[in-house]
Amino acid sequence: MGTYKLDKLDGVTVGFLGTVTNFTDVIDDLVKIDPRLGVDSITGLFEYITDDAGNIDEDKAKELCMDNLDGEDIDDEDAEASWGDQMYCRQAGK
């Protein structure tokens, strides 16, 4: 493996003589930049969002985001507000 420079990461170098030794470490560091998901490595991220066959599971990804990013289901919003929106749309000809 050679040594590679990543300009968008302020010149981080990857390889035997680099600032990090492999690209997985680069991705781990990127995941750590934003701790809001509560995941600190690419391996942890995959464990959270994949099923037993190793496929990305949208429900697991949704659960991770909803739990850690204070998600709310806006389809369950106030019925009165929804009715008001419908009336507005009718008046606007939508």
N, C-alpha and C. Protein backbone atom coordinates (compact mmCIF):
# COMPACT_ATOMS: atom_id res chain seq x y z
N MET A 1 0.85 -1.19 0.00
CA MET A 1 0.00 0.00 0.00
C MET A 1 0.89 1.24 0.00
N GLY A 2 0.54 2.17 -0.85
CA GLY A 2 1.28 3.42 -0.92
C GLY A 2 0.81 4.39 0.14
N THR A 3 1.17 5.63 -0.03
CA THR A 3 0.73 6.69 0.86
C THR A 3 -0.15 7.63 0.03
N TYR A 4 -1.30 7.99 0.57
CA TYR A 4 -2.27 8.80 -0.15
C TYR A 4 -2.59 10.04 0.68
N LYS A 5 -2.81 11.16 -0.01
CA LYS A 5 -3.12 12.42 0.65
C LYS A 5 -4.57 12.80 0.36
N LEU A 6 -5.29 13.18 1.40
CA LEU A 6 -6.69 13.57 1.26
C LEU A 6 -6.81 15.08 1.49
N ASP A 7 -6.86 15.82 0.40
CA ASP A 7 -6.84 17.28 0.48
C ASP A 7 -8.03 17.87 1.23
N LYS A 8 -9.20 17.27 1.08
CA LYS A 8 -10.38 17.81 1.76
C LYS A 8 -10.36 17.56 3.26
N LEU A 9 -9.39 16.80 3.73
CA LEU A 9 -9.22 16.59 5.17
C LEU A 9 -7.93 17.24 5.62
N ASP A 10 -7.66 18.42 5.08
CA ASP A 10 -6.47 19.20 5.42
C ASP A 10 -5.18 18.43 5.21
N GLY A 11 -5.15 17.63 4.17
CA GLY A 11 -3.93 16.93 3.81
C GLY A 11 -3.59 15.71 4.63
N VAL A 12 -4.58 15.12 5.29
CA VAL A 12 -4.34 13.87 6.03
C VAL A 12 -3.74 12.87 5.05
N THR A 13 -2.73 12.14 5.51
CA THR A 13 -2.12 11.12 4.67
C THR A 13 -2.46 9.74 5.21
N VAL A 14 -2.67 8.80 4.30
CA VAL A 14 -3.07 7.44 4.65
C VAL A 14 -2.02 6.49 4.10
N GLY A 15 -1.55 5.60 4.96
CA GLY A 15 -0.58 4.59 4.53
C GLY A 15 0.43 4.32 5.62
N PHE A 16 1.42 3.51 5.31
CA PHE A 16 2.43 3.10 6.28
C PHE A 16 3.12 4.29 6.92
N LEU A 17 3.46 5.30 6.14
CA LEU A 17 4.13 6.49 6.67
C LEU A 17 3.17 7.67 6.82
N GLY A 18 1.87 7.41 6.75
CA GLY A 18 0.88 8.48 6.82
C GLY A 18 0.49 8.85 8.24
N THR A 19 -0.37 9.86 8.33
CA THR A 19 -0.88 10.27 9.65
C THR A 19 -1.86 9.24 10.21
N VAL A 20 -2.49 8.48 9.33
CA VAL A 20 -3.30 7.31 9.72
C VAL A 20 -2.88 6.15 8.83
N THR A 21 -3.05 4.93 9.31
CA THR A 21 -2.52 3.79 8.57
C THR A 21 -3.47 3.21 7.52
N ASN A 22 -4.80 3.44 7.67
CA ASN A 22 -5.71 2.85 6.69
C ASN A 22 -6.95 3.72 6.53
N PHE A 23 -7.69 3.44 5.48
CA PHE A 23 -8.87 4.25 5.16
C PHE A 23 -10.02 4.02 6.13
N THR A 24 -10.07 2.86 6.75
CA THR A 24 -11.11 2.62 7.76
C THR A 24 -10.94 3.58 8.93
N ASP A 25 -9.69 3.85 9.31
CA ASP A 25 -9.44 4.83 10.38
C ASP A 25 -9.89 6.23 9.97
N VAL A 26 -9.73 6.56 8.69
CA VAL A 26 -10.20 7.86 8.19
C VAL A 26 -11.71 7.95 8.39
N ILE A 27 -12.41 6.91 7.98
CA ILE A 27 -13.88 6.90 8.11
C ILE A 27 -14.29 6.92 9.57
N ASP A 28 -13.60 6.16 10.42
CA ASP A 28 -13.89 6.20 11.86
C ASP A 28 -13.76 7.61 12.40
N ASP A 29 -12.70 8.32 12.00
CA ASP A 29 -12.50 9.70 12.46
C ASP A 29 -13.61 10.61 11.97
N LEU A 30 -14.09 10.39 10.75
CA LEU A 30 -15.19 11.20 10.23
C LEU A 30 -16.47 10.93 11.02
N VAL A 31 -16.71 9.68 11.36
CA VAL A 31 -17.90 9.34 12.15
C VAL A 31 -17.82 10.00 13.52
N LYS A 32 -16.63 10.07 14.10
CA LYS A 32 -16.45 10.67 15.43
C LYS A 32 -16.63 12.18 15.42
N ILE A 33 -16.47 12.82 14.25
CA ILE A 33 -16.62 14.28 14.17
C ILE A 33 -18.01 14.71 14.61
N ASP A 34 -19.02 13.94 14.27
CA ASP A 34 -20.39 14.26 14.64
C ASP A 34 -20.93 13.16 15.54
N PRO A 35 -20.81 13.34 16.85
CA PRO A 35 -21.18 12.28 17.80
C PRO A 35 -22.67 12.12 18.03
N ARG A 36 -23.50 12.86 17.32
CA ARG A 36 -24.93 12.83 17.60
C ARG A 36 -25.58 11.47 17.40
N LEU A 37 -25.02 10.63 16.54
CA LEU A 37 -25.60 9.30 16.35
C LEU A 37 -25.20 8.34 17.46
N GLY A 38 -24.21 8.70 18.26
CA GLY A 38 -23.77 7.81 19.32
C GLY A 38 -22.94 6.65 18.80
N VAL A 39 -22.34 6.82 17.64
CA VAL A 39 -21.53 5.79 17.01
C VAL A 39 -20.12 6.34 16.87
N ASP A 40 -19.12 5.53 17.21
CA ASP A 40 -17.75 6.05 17.14
C ASP A 40 -16.86 5.30 16.17
N SER A 41 -17.44 4.41 15.37
CA SER A 41 -16.63 3.72 14.36
C SER A 41 -17.54 3.23 13.23
N ILE A 42 -16.94 2.98 12.09
CA ILE A 42 -17.70 2.47 10.96
C ILE A 42 -18.25 1.09 11.29
N THR A 43 -17.50 0.31 12.05
CA THR A 43 -17.97 -1.02 12.45
C THR A 43 -19.22 -0.89 13.32
N GLY A 44 -19.19 0.03 14.26
CA GLY A 44 -20.37 0.26 15.11
C GLY A 44 -21.56 0.71 14.30
N LEU A 45 -21.32 1.58 13.31
CA LEU A 45 -22.40 2.05 12.46
C LEU A 45 -23.03 0.88 11.70
N PHE A 46 -22.19 0.03 11.11
CA PHE A 46 -22.71 -1.13 10.39
C PHE A 46 -23.47 -2.07 11.31
N GLU A 47 -23.00 -2.25 12.53
CA GLU A 47 -23.70 -3.12 13.48
C GLU A 47 -25.09 -2.58 13.79
N TYR A 48 -25.20 -1.26 13.88
CA TYR A 48 -26.49 -0.64 14.18
C TYR A 48 -27.48 -0.74 13.03
N ILE A 49 -27.00 -0.64 11.78
CA ILE A 49 -27.95 -0.48 10.67
C ILE A 49 -28.02 -1.66 9.70
N THR A 50 -27.39 -2.78 10.02
CA THR A 50 -27.48 -3.92 9.11
C THR A 50 -28.24 -5.08 9.76
N ASP A 51 -28.84 -5.90 8.89
CA ASP A 51 -29.56 -7.07 9.38
C ASP A 51 -28.59 -8.25 9.51
N ASP A 52 -29.10 -9.40 9.85
CA ASP A 52 -28.26 -10.59 10.05
C ASP A 52 -27.52 -11.01 8.79
N ALA A 53 -28.03 -10.65 7.62
CA ALA A 53 -27.39 -11.01 6.36
C ALA A 53 -26.37 -9.96 5.91
N GLY A 54 -26.23 -8.87 6.69
CA GLY A 54 -25.28 -7.82 6.35
C GLY A 54 -25.81 -6.77 5.41
N ASN A 55 -27.12 -6.78 5.18
CA ASN A 55 -27.75 -5.78 4.32
C ASN A 55 -28.20 -4.58 5.13
N ILE A 56 -28.17 -3.41 4.52
CA ILE A 56 -28.64 -2.20 5.19
C ILE A 56 -30.13 -2.36 5.46
N ASP A 57 -30.52 -2.13 6.71
CA ASP A 57 -31.92 -2.26 7.13
C ASP A 57 -32.46 -0.87 7.40
N GLU A 58 -33.36 -0.39 6.55
CA GLU A 58 -33.91 0.96 6.67
C GLU A 58 -34.59 1.18 8.02
N ASP A 59 -35.26 0.16 8.54
CA ASP A 59 -35.91 0.31 9.84
C ASP A 59 -34.89 0.53 10.95
N LYS A 60 -33.77 -0.17 10.89
CA LYS A 60 -32.72 0.02 11.89
C LYS A 60 -32.08 1.39 11.75
N ALA A 61 -31.87 1.84 10.51
CA ALA A 61 -31.31 3.17 10.28
C ALA A 61 -32.27 4.24 10.81
N LYS A 62 -33.56 4.03 10.57
CA LYS A 62 -34.58 4.96 11.07
C LYS A 62 -34.55 4.99 12.59
N GLU A 63 -34.49 3.83 13.22
CA GLU A 63 -34.47 3.76 14.68
C GLU A 63 -33.25 4.49 15.24
N LEU A 64 -32.08 4.28 14.64
CA LEU A 64 -30.86 4.95 15.08
C LEU A 64 -31.03 6.47 15.00
N CYS A 65 -31.53 6.95 13.87
CA CYS A 65 -31.72 8.39 13.69
C CYS A 65 -32.79 8.94 14.62
N MET A 66 -33.92 8.27 14.70
CA MET A 66 -35.02 8.76 15.54
C MET A 66 -34.61 8.81 17.01
N ASP A 67 -33.92 7.78 17.48
CA ASP A 67 -33.52 7.72 18.89
C ASP A 67 -32.44 8.74 19.24
N ASN A 68 -31.48 8.92 18.36
CA ASN A 68 -30.32 9.75 18.69
C ASN A 68 -30.41 11.18 18.19
N LEU A 69 -31.33 11.45 17.29
CA LEU A 69 -31.46 12.79 16.73
C LEU A 69 -32.80 13.42 17.10
N ASP A 70 -33.39 12.94 18.19
CA ASP A 70 -34.67 13.46 18.70
C ASP A 70 -35.72 13.54 17.61
N GLY A 71 -35.92 12.44 16.91
CA GLY A 71 -36.87 12.40 15.81
C GLY A 71 -38.31 12.36 16.30
N GLU A 72 -39.19 12.83 15.44
CA GLU A 72 -40.62 12.75 15.72
C GLU A 72 -41.35 12.48 14.42
N ASP A 73 -42.43 11.76 14.51
CA ASP A 73 -43.22 11.43 13.33
C ASP A 73 -44.18 12.58 13.07
N ILE A 74 -43.91 13.36 12.05
CA ILE A 74 -44.75 14.54 11.80
C ILE A 74 -46.04 14.19 11.10
N ASP A 75 -46.18 12.93 10.66
CA ASP A 75 -47.47 12.51 10.10
C ASP A 75 -48.51 12.39 11.20
N ASP A 76 -48.07 12.32 12.45
CA ASP A 76 -48.98 12.23 13.59
C ASP A 76 -49.29 13.60 14.17
N GLU A 77 -49.15 14.66 13.36
CA GLU A 77 -49.36 16.00 13.87
C GLU A 77 -50.83 16.26 14.17
N ASP A 78 -51.09 17.37 14.76
CA ASP A 78 -52.41 17.79 15.20
C ASP A 78 -53.43 17.77 14.05
N ALA A 79 -54.55 17.11 14.27
CA ALA A 79 -55.59 16.99 13.24
C ALA A 79 -56.15 18.36 12.86
N GLU A 80 -56.30 19.27 13.84
CA GLU A 80 -56.82 20.60 13.54
C GLU A 80 -55.88 21.35 12.61
N ALA A 81 -54.58 21.24 12.86
CA ALA A 81 -53.59 21.90 12.02
C ALA A 81 -53.65 21.32 10.61
N SER A 82 -53.82 20.03 10.52
CA SER A 82 -53.91 19.37 9.22
C SER A 82 -55.15 19.86 8.47
N TRP A 83 -56.28 19.98 9.17
CA TRP A 83 -57.51 20.47 8.55
C TRP A 83 -57.31 21.89 8.05
N GLY A 84 -56.64 22.72 8.85
CA GLY A 84 -56.36 24.10 8.45
C GLY A 84 -55.49 24.15 7.20
N ASP A 85 -54.51 23.26 7.13
CA ASP A 85 -53.65 23.19 5.95
C ASP A 85 -54.45 22.81 4.72
N GLN A 86 -55.39 21.88 4.88
CA GLN A 86 -56.22 21.45 3.76
C GLN A 86 -57.09 22.61 3.26
N MET A 87 -57.64 23.38 4.19
CA MET A 87 -58.48 24.51 3.81
C MET A 87 -57.65 25.56 3.07
N TYR A 88 -56.43 25.79 3.53
CA TYR A 88 -55.54 26.75 2.87
C TYR A 88 -55.25 26.29 1.44
N CYS A 89 -54.94 25.02 1.29
CA CYS A 89 -54.64 24.47 -0.03
C CYS A 89 -55.84 24.60 -0.96
N ARG A 90 -57.05 24.36 -0.44
CA ARG A 90 -58.25 24.48 -1.29
C ARG A 90 -58.43 25.93 -1.77
N GLN A 91 -58.22 26.89 -0.83
CA GLN A 91 -58.36 28.29 -1.21
C GLN A 91 -57.31 28.69 -2.24
N ALA A 92 -56.12 28.12 -2.11
CA ALA A 92 -55.03 28.46 -3.03
C ALA A 92 -55.17 27.71 -4.34
N GLY A 93 -56.18 26.85 -4.46
CA GLY A 93 -56.41 26.12 -5.68
C GLY A 93 -55.51 24.92 -5.88
N LYS A 94 -54.98 24.41 -4.79
CA LYS A 94 -54.09 23.25 -4.89
C LYS A 94 -54.85 21.97 -4.72
